[in-house]
Amino acid sequence: MGRRSRQRDAATGAPRAPRSQPSAPPPPPSAPRLRATRDELPKAPWHPVPLVELAVLVGLIALVAGFVSDGGRRELLVTTGVLLCTLAGLDQVVREHFAGFRSHTTVLTLAAFLLVGAPIGYFTIRLIGIIAGVAAAAVAFAVLRAAFARRAGGLTWRA
């Protein structure tokens, strides 16, 4: 070792404590990016099991079986297939939206419109169902957009 490798205190001969460097200020928080990466994709609570993909597969099989069959089962199979595929898609959309990965405000607003407007329009006057659906969609749009902005660091949409 060279002479300069360990400097010693002249009075005591003990090694000196290293000089502390002035601490650098912490880096500023990075701005949220408009383009989401694959790493930010939210995992499902049942992650190792491909439940959404299985629901889509079963739904597609039910749809095909419904279209090629005759009789009373046809409507049941087609309805089951459409519902399974729709629920699987909505599951993915809800997870991505509320994780701040991608904004699906419009799709979720349409779901609110259908969820409120369809039953009211079916059981009462159709115009009342449309008005109720539009009101529900307007409220849902504001709430869903604000929820996404909170999760995405202030962004109201992400690609």
N, C-alpha and C. Protein backbone atom coordinates (compact mmCIF):
# COMPACT_ATOMS: atom_id res chain seq x y z
N MET A 1 0.83 -1.18 0.00
CA MET A 1 0.00 0.00 0.00
C MET A 1 0.88 1.24 0.00
N GLY A 2 0.38 2.23 -0.70
CA GLY A 2 1.13 3.48 -0.77
C GLY A 2 0.90 4.34 0.44
N ARG A 3 1.63 5.42 0.49
CA ARG A 3 1.53 6.32 1.64
C ARG A 3 0.17 7.00 1.71
N ARG A 4 -0.43 7.19 0.60
CA ARG A 4 -1.66 7.98 0.59
C ARG A 4 -2.90 7.11 0.79
N SER A 5 -2.72 5.79 0.85
CA SER A 5 -3.91 4.96 0.93
C SER A 5 -4.64 5.11 2.25
N ARG A 6 -3.91 5.32 3.33
CA ARG A 6 -4.57 5.51 4.63
C ARG A 6 -3.93 6.70 5.31
N GLN A 7 -4.65 7.77 5.33
CA GLN A 7 -4.11 8.93 6.01
C GLN A 7 -4.38 8.81 7.49
N ARG A 8 -3.37 9.19 8.26
CA ARG A 8 -3.49 9.07 9.72
C ARG A 8 -3.48 10.45 10.34
N ASP A 9 -4.11 10.52 11.49
CA ASP A 9 -4.13 11.76 12.24
C ASP A 9 -2.72 12.01 12.75
N ALA A 10 -2.23 13.21 12.57
CA ALA A 10 -0.84 13.52 12.94
C ALA A 10 -0.64 13.43 14.45
N ALA A 11 -1.61 13.78 15.27
CA ALA A 11 -1.43 13.80 16.72
C ALA A 11 -1.50 12.40 17.32
N THR A 12 -2.46 11.57 16.90
CA THR A 12 -2.64 10.27 17.56
C THR A 12 -2.11 9.11 16.74
N GLY A 13 -1.95 9.26 15.48
CA GLY A 13 -1.48 8.17 14.63
C GLY A 13 -2.58 7.21 14.22
N ALA A 14 -3.84 7.50 14.63
CA ALA A 14 -4.97 6.64 14.29
C ALA A 14 -5.50 7.03 12.90
N PRO A 15 -6.08 6.07 12.20
CA PRO A 15 -6.63 6.40 10.88
C PRO A 15 -7.74 7.44 11.00
N ARG A 16 -7.75 8.36 10.07
CA ARG A 16 -8.77 9.40 10.06
C ARG A 16 -10.08 8.85 9.48
N ALA A 17 -11.15 9.41 9.97
CA ALA A 17 -12.46 9.06 9.40
C ALA A 17 -12.56 9.71 8.02
N PRO A 18 -13.12 9.00 7.08
CA PRO A 18 -13.23 9.60 5.74
C PRO A 18 -14.13 10.83 5.78
N ARG A 19 -13.78 11.79 4.93
CA ARG A 19 -14.58 13.01 4.88
C ARG A 19 -15.93 12.69 4.24
N SER A 20 -16.93 13.27 4.83
CA SER A 20 -18.26 13.02 4.27
C SER A 20 -18.49 13.98 3.11
N GLN A 21 -19.00 13.44 2.06
CA GLN A 21 -19.34 14.25 0.90
C GLN A 21 -20.67 14.93 1.17
N PRO A 22 -20.84 16.15 0.68
CA PRO A 22 -22.16 16.77 0.86
C PRO A 22 -23.21 15.95 0.11
N SER A 23 -24.30 15.69 0.79
CA SER A 23 -25.32 14.83 0.18
C SER A 23 -25.98 15.57 -0.98
N ALA A 24 -26.12 14.84 -2.07
CA ALA A 24 -26.76 15.40 -3.25
C ALA A 24 -28.26 15.45 -3.03
N PRO A 25 -28.92 16.44 -3.56
CA PRO A 25 -30.38 16.48 -3.39
C PRO A 25 -31.02 15.29 -4.08
N PRO A 26 -32.12 14.80 -3.53
CA PRO A 26 -32.77 13.63 -4.16
C PRO A 26 -33.25 14.01 -5.56
N PRO A 27 -33.20 13.03 -6.47
CA PRO A 27 -33.64 13.34 -7.84
C PRO A 27 -35.12 13.69 -7.85
N PRO A 28 -35.51 14.59 -8.73
CA PRO A 28 -36.94 14.94 -8.78
C PRO A 28 -37.76 13.74 -9.24
N PRO A 29 -39.00 13.65 -8.78
CA PRO A 29 -39.83 12.53 -9.23
C PRO A 29 -40.03 12.60 -10.73
N SER A 30 -39.97 11.43 -11.35
CA SER A 30 -40.11 11.41 -12.79
C SER A 30 -41.56 11.70 -13.18
N ALA A 31 -41.70 12.39 -14.26
CA ALA A 31 -43.04 12.73 -14.74
C ALA A 31 -43.70 11.47 -15.29
N PRO A 32 -44.99 11.32 -15.11
CA PRO A 32 -45.67 10.14 -15.67
C PRO A 32 -45.57 10.13 -17.18
N ARG A 33 -45.37 8.94 -17.74
CA ARG A 33 -45.23 8.80 -19.18
C ARG A 33 -46.59 8.55 -19.82
N LEU A 34 -46.75 9.09 -21.04
CA LEU A 34 -48.00 8.88 -21.77
C LEU A 34 -48.11 7.48 -22.32
N ARG A 35 -46.99 6.81 -22.54
CA ARG A 35 -47.00 5.45 -23.08
C ARG A 35 -46.71 4.49 -21.93
N ALA A 36 -47.67 3.63 -21.63
CA ALA A 36 -47.51 2.65 -20.56
C ALA A 36 -46.64 1.49 -21.06
N THR A 37 -45.85 0.92 -20.16
CA THR A 37 -44.99 -0.21 -20.52
C THR A 37 -45.60 -1.52 -20.03
N ARG A 38 -45.13 -2.61 -20.60
CA ARG A 38 -45.62 -3.94 -20.23
C ARG A 38 -45.36 -4.25 -18.76
N ASP A 39 -44.29 -3.66 -18.20
CA ASP A 39 -43.96 -3.93 -16.80
C ASP A 39 -45.00 -3.36 -15.84
N GLU A 40 -45.73 -2.35 -16.29
CA GLU A 40 -46.73 -1.72 -15.43
C GLU A 40 -48.09 -2.41 -15.49
N LEU A 41 -48.22 -3.40 -16.33
CA LEU A 41 -49.49 -4.11 -16.49
C LEU A 41 -49.89 -4.75 -15.16
N PRO A 42 -51.09 -4.47 -14.67
CA PRO A 42 -51.49 -5.02 -13.37
C PRO A 42 -51.74 -6.52 -13.45
N LYS A 43 -51.32 -7.21 -12.42
CA LYS A 43 -51.55 -8.66 -12.33
C LYS A 43 -52.91 -8.91 -11.69
N ALA A 44 -53.55 -9.97 -12.13
CA ALA A 44 -54.84 -10.35 -11.55
C ALA A 44 -54.60 -10.96 -10.17
N PRO A 45 -55.59 -10.91 -9.30
CA PRO A 45 -55.43 -11.54 -7.98
C PRO A 45 -55.18 -13.04 -8.08
N TRP A 46 -55.64 -13.67 -9.14
CA TRP A 46 -55.47 -15.11 -9.34
C TRP A 46 -54.35 -15.35 -10.35
N HIS A 47 -53.29 -14.52 -10.34
CA HIS A 47 -52.29 -14.40 -11.39
C HIS A 47 -51.80 -15.69 -12.06
N PRO A 48 -51.37 -16.70 -11.36
CA PRO A 48 -50.84 -17.84 -12.14
C PRO A 48 -51.91 -18.56 -12.96
N VAL A 49 -53.18 -18.43 -12.59
CA VAL A 49 -54.26 -19.12 -13.30
C VAL A 49 -54.80 -18.18 -14.37
N PRO A 50 -54.83 -18.58 -15.63
CA PRO A 50 -55.34 -17.70 -16.69
C PRO A 50 -56.86 -17.71 -16.75
N LEU A 51 -57.49 -17.18 -15.72
CA LEU A 51 -58.95 -17.25 -15.59
C LEU A 51 -59.67 -16.46 -16.68
N VAL A 52 -59.17 -15.27 -17.00
CA VAL A 52 -59.81 -14.44 -18.03
C VAL A 52 -59.73 -15.14 -19.38
N GLU A 53 -58.57 -15.69 -19.70
CA GLU A 53 -58.41 -16.37 -20.98
C GLU A 53 -59.30 -17.62 -21.06
N LEU A 54 -59.43 -18.33 -19.95
CA LEU A 54 -60.31 -19.51 -19.93
C LEU A 54 -61.78 -19.10 -20.10
N ALA A 55 -62.16 -17.98 -19.50
CA ALA A 55 -63.54 -17.51 -19.65
C ALA A 55 -63.82 -17.13 -21.11
N VAL A 56 -62.85 -16.50 -21.77
CA VAL A 56 -63.03 -16.15 -23.18
C VAL A 56 -63.11 -17.43 -24.02
N LEU A 57 -62.27 -18.40 -23.73
CA LEU A 57 -62.29 -19.65 -24.48
C LEU A 57 -63.64 -20.36 -24.34
N VAL A 58 -64.12 -20.48 -23.10
CA VAL A 58 -65.41 -21.14 -22.88
C VAL A 58 -66.54 -20.33 -23.54
N GLY A 59 -66.45 -19.01 -23.47
CA GLY A 59 -67.45 -18.18 -24.12
C GLY A 59 -67.46 -18.34 -25.63
N LEU A 60 -66.28 -18.43 -26.24
CA LEU A 60 -66.23 -18.64 -27.69
C LEU A 60 -66.74 -20.01 -28.09
N ILE A 61 -66.44 -21.02 -27.28
CA ILE A 61 -66.96 -22.36 -27.55
C ILE A 61 -68.48 -22.36 -27.45
N ALA A 62 -69.02 -21.67 -26.44
CA ALA A 62 -70.48 -21.59 -26.29
C ALA A 62 -71.10 -20.84 -27.46
N LEU A 63 -70.44 -19.78 -27.93
CA LEU A 63 -70.96 -19.04 -29.08
C LEU A 63 -71.01 -19.91 -30.34
N VAL A 64 -69.91 -20.60 -30.60
CA VAL A 64 -69.87 -21.46 -31.80
C VAL A 64 -70.91 -22.57 -31.68
N ALA A 65 -71.00 -23.20 -30.50
CA ALA A 65 -71.99 -24.26 -30.31
C ALA A 65 -73.40 -23.71 -30.45
N GLY A 66 -73.64 -22.49 -30.02
CA GLY A 66 -74.95 -21.90 -30.16
C GLY A 66 -75.31 -21.59 -31.60
N PHE A 67 -74.33 -21.16 -32.38
CA PHE A 67 -74.61 -20.83 -33.77
C PHE A 67 -74.82 -22.06 -34.65
N VAL A 68 -74.21 -23.19 -34.29
CA VAL A 68 -74.37 -24.38 -35.12
C VAL A 68 -75.48 -25.31 -34.63
N SER A 69 -76.05 -25.02 -33.46
CA SER A 69 -77.10 -25.91 -32.94
C SER A 69 -78.49 -25.42 -33.32
N ASP A 70 -79.44 -26.29 -33.12
CA ASP A 70 -80.84 -25.96 -33.37
C ASP A 70 -81.61 -26.12 -32.07
N GLY A 71 -82.78 -25.56 -32.03
CA GLY A 71 -83.66 -25.80 -30.91
C GLY A 71 -83.55 -24.77 -29.81
N GLY A 72 -84.01 -25.19 -28.64
CA GLY A 72 -84.11 -24.30 -27.49
C GLY A 72 -82.78 -23.93 -26.86
N ARG A 73 -81.76 -24.75 -27.05
CA ARG A 73 -80.46 -24.45 -26.45
C ARG A 73 -79.73 -23.31 -27.14
N ARG A 74 -80.11 -23.03 -28.34
CA ARG A 74 -79.39 -22.04 -29.14
C ARG A 74 -79.29 -20.69 -28.43
N GLU A 75 -80.42 -20.17 -27.97
CA GLU A 75 -80.41 -18.86 -27.30
C GLU A 75 -79.61 -18.88 -26.01
N LEU A 76 -79.72 -19.96 -25.25
CA LEU A 76 -78.98 -20.08 -24.01
C LEU A 76 -77.47 -20.09 -24.26
N LEU A 77 -77.03 -20.87 -25.25
CA LEU A 77 -75.60 -20.95 -25.54
C LEU A 77 -75.04 -19.62 -26.06
N VAL A 78 -75.77 -18.97 -26.94
CA VAL A 78 -75.29 -17.69 -27.48
C VAL A 78 -75.25 -16.64 -26.37
N THR A 79 -76.28 -16.59 -25.55
CA THR A 79 -76.30 -15.63 -24.44
C THR A 79 -75.18 -15.90 -23.45
N THR A 80 -74.96 -17.15 -23.12
CA THR A 80 -73.87 -17.52 -22.21
C THR A 80 -72.52 -17.12 -22.79
N GLY A 81 -72.31 -17.39 -24.06
CA GLY A 81 -71.05 -17.03 -24.70
C GLY A 81 -70.80 -15.54 -24.71
N VAL A 82 -71.83 -14.77 -25.04
CA VAL A 82 -71.68 -13.31 -25.06
C VAL A 82 -71.41 -12.79 -23.66
N LEU A 83 -72.12 -13.27 -22.66
CA LEU A 83 -71.91 -12.81 -21.29
C LEU A 83 -70.52 -13.17 -20.77
N LEU A 84 -70.06 -14.38 -21.02
CA LEU A 84 -68.72 -14.77 -20.56
C LEU A 84 -67.63 -13.92 -21.20
N CYS A 85 -67.72 -13.71 -22.50
CA CYS A 85 -66.71 -12.90 -23.18
C CYS A 85 -66.77 -11.45 -22.72
N THR A 86 -67.97 -10.93 -22.51
CA THR A 86 -68.12 -9.55 -22.04
C THR A 86 -67.57 -9.38 -20.63
N LEU A 87 -67.87 -10.30 -19.74
CA LEU A 87 -67.37 -10.20 -18.37
C LEU A 87 -65.85 -10.34 -18.31
N ALA A 88 -65.29 -11.20 -19.14
CA ALA A 88 -63.83 -11.34 -19.17
C ALA A 88 -63.17 -10.05 -19.66
N GLY A 89 -63.75 -9.45 -20.68
CA GLY A 89 -63.21 -8.19 -21.18
C GLY A 89 -63.35 -7.07 -20.17
N LEU A 90 -64.50 -7.00 -19.51
CA LEU A 90 -64.71 -5.97 -18.50
C LEU A 90 -63.76 -6.14 -17.31
N ASP A 91 -63.45 -7.37 -16.95
CA ASP A 91 -62.50 -7.61 -15.86
C ASP A 91 -61.14 -7.00 -16.21
N GLN A 92 -60.67 -7.25 -17.41
CA GLN A 92 -59.39 -6.71 -17.84
C GLN A 92 -59.42 -5.18 -17.88
N VAL A 93 -60.51 -4.64 -18.39
CA VAL A 93 -60.64 -3.19 -18.51
C VAL A 93 -60.65 -2.52 -17.13
N VAL A 94 -61.39 -3.08 -16.19
CA VAL A 94 -61.48 -2.51 -14.85
C VAL A 94 -60.11 -2.55 -14.16
N ARG A 95 -59.41 -3.68 -14.26
CA ARG A 95 -58.09 -3.77 -13.62
C ARG A 95 -57.11 -2.77 -14.22
N GLU A 96 -57.07 -2.64 -15.54
CA GLU A 96 -56.14 -1.71 -16.18
C GLU A 96 -56.50 -0.27 -15.84
N HIS A 97 -57.78 0.05 -15.82
CA HIS A 97 -58.20 1.43 -15.56
C HIS A 97 -57.86 1.85 -14.14
N PHE A 98 -58.22 1.04 -13.15
CA PHE A 98 -58.02 1.43 -11.76
C PHE A 98 -56.59 1.22 -11.28
N ALA A 99 -55.74 0.61 -12.08
CA ALA A 99 -54.32 0.53 -11.76
C ALA A 99 -53.56 1.70 -12.39
N GLY A 100 -54.22 2.49 -13.24
CA GLY A 100 -53.55 3.60 -13.89
C GLY A 100 -52.72 3.17 -15.08
N PHE A 101 -52.96 1.97 -15.60
CA PHE A 101 -52.19 1.47 -16.73
C PHE A 101 -52.67 2.09 -18.03
N ARG A 102 -53.94 1.97 -18.32
CA ARG A 102 -54.56 2.59 -19.50
C ARG A 102 -55.93 3.09 -19.11
N SER A 103 -56.33 4.19 -19.72
CA SER A 103 -57.64 4.76 -19.44
C SER A 103 -58.70 4.07 -20.30
N HIS A 104 -59.69 3.51 -19.64
CA HIS A 104 -60.81 2.87 -20.33
C HIS A 104 -62.11 3.55 -19.90
N THR A 105 -62.05 4.87 -19.76
CA THR A 105 -63.19 5.62 -19.27
C THR A 105 -64.41 5.45 -20.16
N THR A 106 -64.21 5.50 -21.47
CA THR A 106 -65.34 5.41 -22.38
C THR A 106 -66.02 4.05 -22.31
N VAL A 107 -65.25 2.99 -22.26
CA VAL A 107 -65.83 1.65 -22.19
C VAL A 107 -66.60 1.46 -20.89
N LEU A 108 -66.03 1.92 -19.79
CA LEU A 108 -66.70 1.78 -18.50
C LEU A 108 -67.93 2.68 -18.41
N THR A 109 -67.88 3.84 -19.08
CA THR A 109 -69.05 4.71 -19.12
C THR A 109 -70.18 4.05 -19.91
N LEU A 110 -69.84 3.40 -21.01
CA LEU A 110 -70.86 2.67 -21.78
C LEU A 110 -71.45 1.53 -20.95
N ALA A 111 -70.61 0.86 -20.17
CA ALA A 111 -71.11 -0.21 -19.30
C ALA A 111 -72.08 0.36 -18.27
N ALA A 112 -71.79 1.54 -17.71
CA ALA A 112 -72.72 2.16 -16.76
C ALA A 112 -74.03 2.54 -17.44
N PHE A 113 -73.92 3.05 -18.66
CA PHE A 113 -75.13 3.39 -19.42
C PHE A 113 -76.02 2.17 -19.61
N LEU A 114 -75.43 1.06 -20.03
CA LEU A 114 -76.20 -0.16 -20.27
C LEU A 114 -76.73 -0.77 -18.97
N LEU A 115 -75.93 -0.72 -17.93
CA LEU A 115 -76.33 -1.31 -16.66
C LEU A 115 -77.52 -0.59 -16.05
N VAL A 116 -77.59 0.72 -16.23
CA VAL A 116 -78.70 1.49 -15.67
C VAL A 116 -79.84 1.63 -16.68
N GLY A 117 -79.50 1.97 -17.92
CA GLY A 117 -80.53 2.29 -18.89
C GLY A 117 -81.29 1.10 -19.43
N ALA A 118 -80.63 -0.02 -19.63
CA ALA A 118 -81.29 -1.19 -20.24
C ALA A 118 -82.43 -1.73 -19.37
N PRO A 119 -82.22 -1.99 -18.08
CA PRO A 119 -83.36 -2.51 -17.29
C PRO A 119 -84.51 -1.51 -17.17
N ILE A 120 -84.18 -0.24 -17.00
CA ILE A 120 -85.24 0.77 -16.88
C ILE A 120 -86.01 0.88 -18.18
N GLY A 121 -85.30 0.90 -19.30
CA GLY A 121 -85.96 0.97 -20.60
C GLY A 121 -86.75 -0.27 -20.93
N TYR A 122 -86.33 -1.40 -20.44
CA TYR A 122 -87.04 -2.65 -20.71
C TYR A 122 -88.35 -2.73 -19.94
N PHE A 123 -88.33 -2.31 -18.67
CA PHE A 123 -89.50 -2.45 -17.82
C PHE A 123 -90.42 -1.23 -17.83
N THR A 124 -89.95 -0.09 -18.35
CA THR A 124 -90.78 1.11 -18.41
C THR A 124 -90.74 1.66 -19.84
N ILE A 125 -90.96 2.95 -19.96
CA ILE A 125 -90.90 3.61 -21.26
C ILE A 125 -89.43 3.71 -21.68
N ARG A 126 -89.15 3.41 -22.93
CA ARG A 126 -87.79 3.37 -23.44
C ARG A 126 -87.07 4.71 -23.27
N LEU A 127 -87.76 5.82 -23.46
CA LEU A 127 -87.14 7.14 -23.35
C LEU A 127 -86.64 7.39 -21.93
N ILE A 128 -87.39 6.93 -20.94
CA ILE A 128 -86.95 7.09 -19.55
C ILE A 128 -85.66 6.30 -19.31
N GLY A 129 -85.56 5.12 -19.89
CA GLY A 129 -84.34 4.33 -19.77
C GLY A 129 -83.14 5.02 -20.42
N ILE A 130 -83.38 5.65 -21.57
CA ILE A 130 -82.27 6.36 -22.24
C ILE A 130 -81.83 7.56 -21.41
N ILE A 131 -82.77 8.29 -20.88
CA ILE A 131 -82.43 9.46 -20.05
C ILE A 131 -81.68 9.03 -18.79
N ALA A 132 -82.16 7.98 -18.14
CA ALA A 132 -81.48 7.49 -16.94
C ALA A 132 -80.08 6.97 -17.28
N GLY A 133 -79.94 6.29 -18.42
CA GLY A 133 -78.64 5.80 -18.84
C GLY A 133 -77.65 6.92 -19.13
N VAL A 134 -78.13 7.97 -19.79
CA VAL A 134 -77.26 9.13 -20.08
C VAL A 134 -76.84 9.81 -18.79
N ALA A 135 -77.75 9.95 -17.84
CA ALA A 135 -77.40 10.56 -16.55
C ALA A 135 -76.35 9.71 -15.82
N ALA A 136 -76.55 8.40 -15.81
CA ALA A 136 -75.58 7.51 -15.16
C ALA A 136 -74.24 7.57 -15.86
N ALA A 137 -74.25 7.65 -17.18
CA ALA A 137 -73.00 7.72 -17.93
C ALA A 137 -72.26 9.02 -17.65
N ALA A 138 -72.98 10.13 -17.53
CA ALA A 138 -72.33 11.41 -17.24
C ALA A 138 -71.66 11.40 -15.88
N VAL A 139 -72.34 10.87 -14.88
CA VAL A 139 -71.76 10.78 -13.54
C VAL A 139 -70.57 9.81 -13.55
N ALA A 140 -70.73 8.67 -14.21
CA ALA A 140 -69.66 7.68 -14.27
C ALA A 140 -68.44 8.23 -14.98
N PHE A 141 -68.63 9.00 -16.05
CA PHE A 141 -67.49 9.55 -16.78
C PHE A 141 -66.65 10.44 -15.88
N ALA A 142 -67.30 11.33 -15.13
CA ALA A 142 -66.57 12.24 -14.25
C ALA A 142 -65.83 11.47 -13.15
N VAL A 143 -66.50 10.51 -12.55
CA VAL A 143 -65.90 9.75 -11.45
C VAL A 143 -64.75 8.87 -11.97
N LEU A 144 -64.96 8.20 -13.10
CA LEU A 144 -63.93 7.30 -13.64
C LEU A 144 -62.71 8.07 -14.12
N ARG A 145 -62.92 9.23 -14.72
CA ARG A 145 -61.78 10.02 -15.19
C ARG A 145 -60.96 10.53 -14.03
N ALA A 146 -61.61 10.97 -12.96
CA ALA A 146 -60.89 11.44 -11.78
C ALA A 146 -60.14 10.29 -11.11
N ALA A 147 -60.75 9.11 -11.06
CA ALA A 147 -60.07 7.95 -10.46
C ALA A 147 -58.83 7.58 -11.25
N PHE A 148 -58.91 7.61 -12.58
CA PHE A 148 -57.74 7.28 -13.38
C PHE A 148 -56.65 8.33 -13.20
N ALA A 149 -57.02 9.60 -13.15
CA ALA A 149 -56.03 10.67 -12.99
C ALA A 149 -55.29 10.52 -11.66
N ARG A 150 -55.99 10.11 -10.60
CA ARG A 150 -55.31 9.90 -9.31
C ARG A 150 -54.29 8.77 -9.41
N ARG A 151 -54.65 7.69 -10.08
CA ARG A 151 -53.76 6.53 -10.16
C ARG A 151 -52.63 6.71 -11.15
N ALA A 152 -52.81 7.57 -12.17
CA ALA A 152 -51.82 7.72 -13.23
C ALA A 152 -50.96 8.97 -13.03
N GLY A 153 -50.95 9.54 -11.86
CA GLY A 153 -50.09 10.68 -11.60
C GLY A 153 -50.56 11.96 -12.27
N GLY A 154 -51.85 12.15 -12.41
CA GLY A 154 -52.38 13.37 -12.99
C GLY A 154 -52.76 13.27 -14.46
N LEU A 155 -52.35 12.21 -15.12
CA LEU A 155 -52.72 12.03 -16.52
C LEU A 155 -54.19 11.62 -16.61
N THR A 156 -54.87 12.09 -17.64
CA THR A 156 -56.26 11.68 -17.81
C THR A 156 -56.40 10.61 -18.88
N TRP A 157 -55.33 10.30 -19.59
CA TRP A 157 -55.33 9.18 -20.54
C TRP A 157 -53.90 8.71 -20.74
N ARG A 158 -53.74 7.47 -21.14
CA ARG A 158 -52.44 6.88 -21.44
C ARG A 158 -52.61 5.92 -22.60
N ALA A 159 -51.62 5.88 -23.46
CA ALA A 159 -51.65 4.97 -24.61
C ALA A 159 -50.97 3.68 -24.27
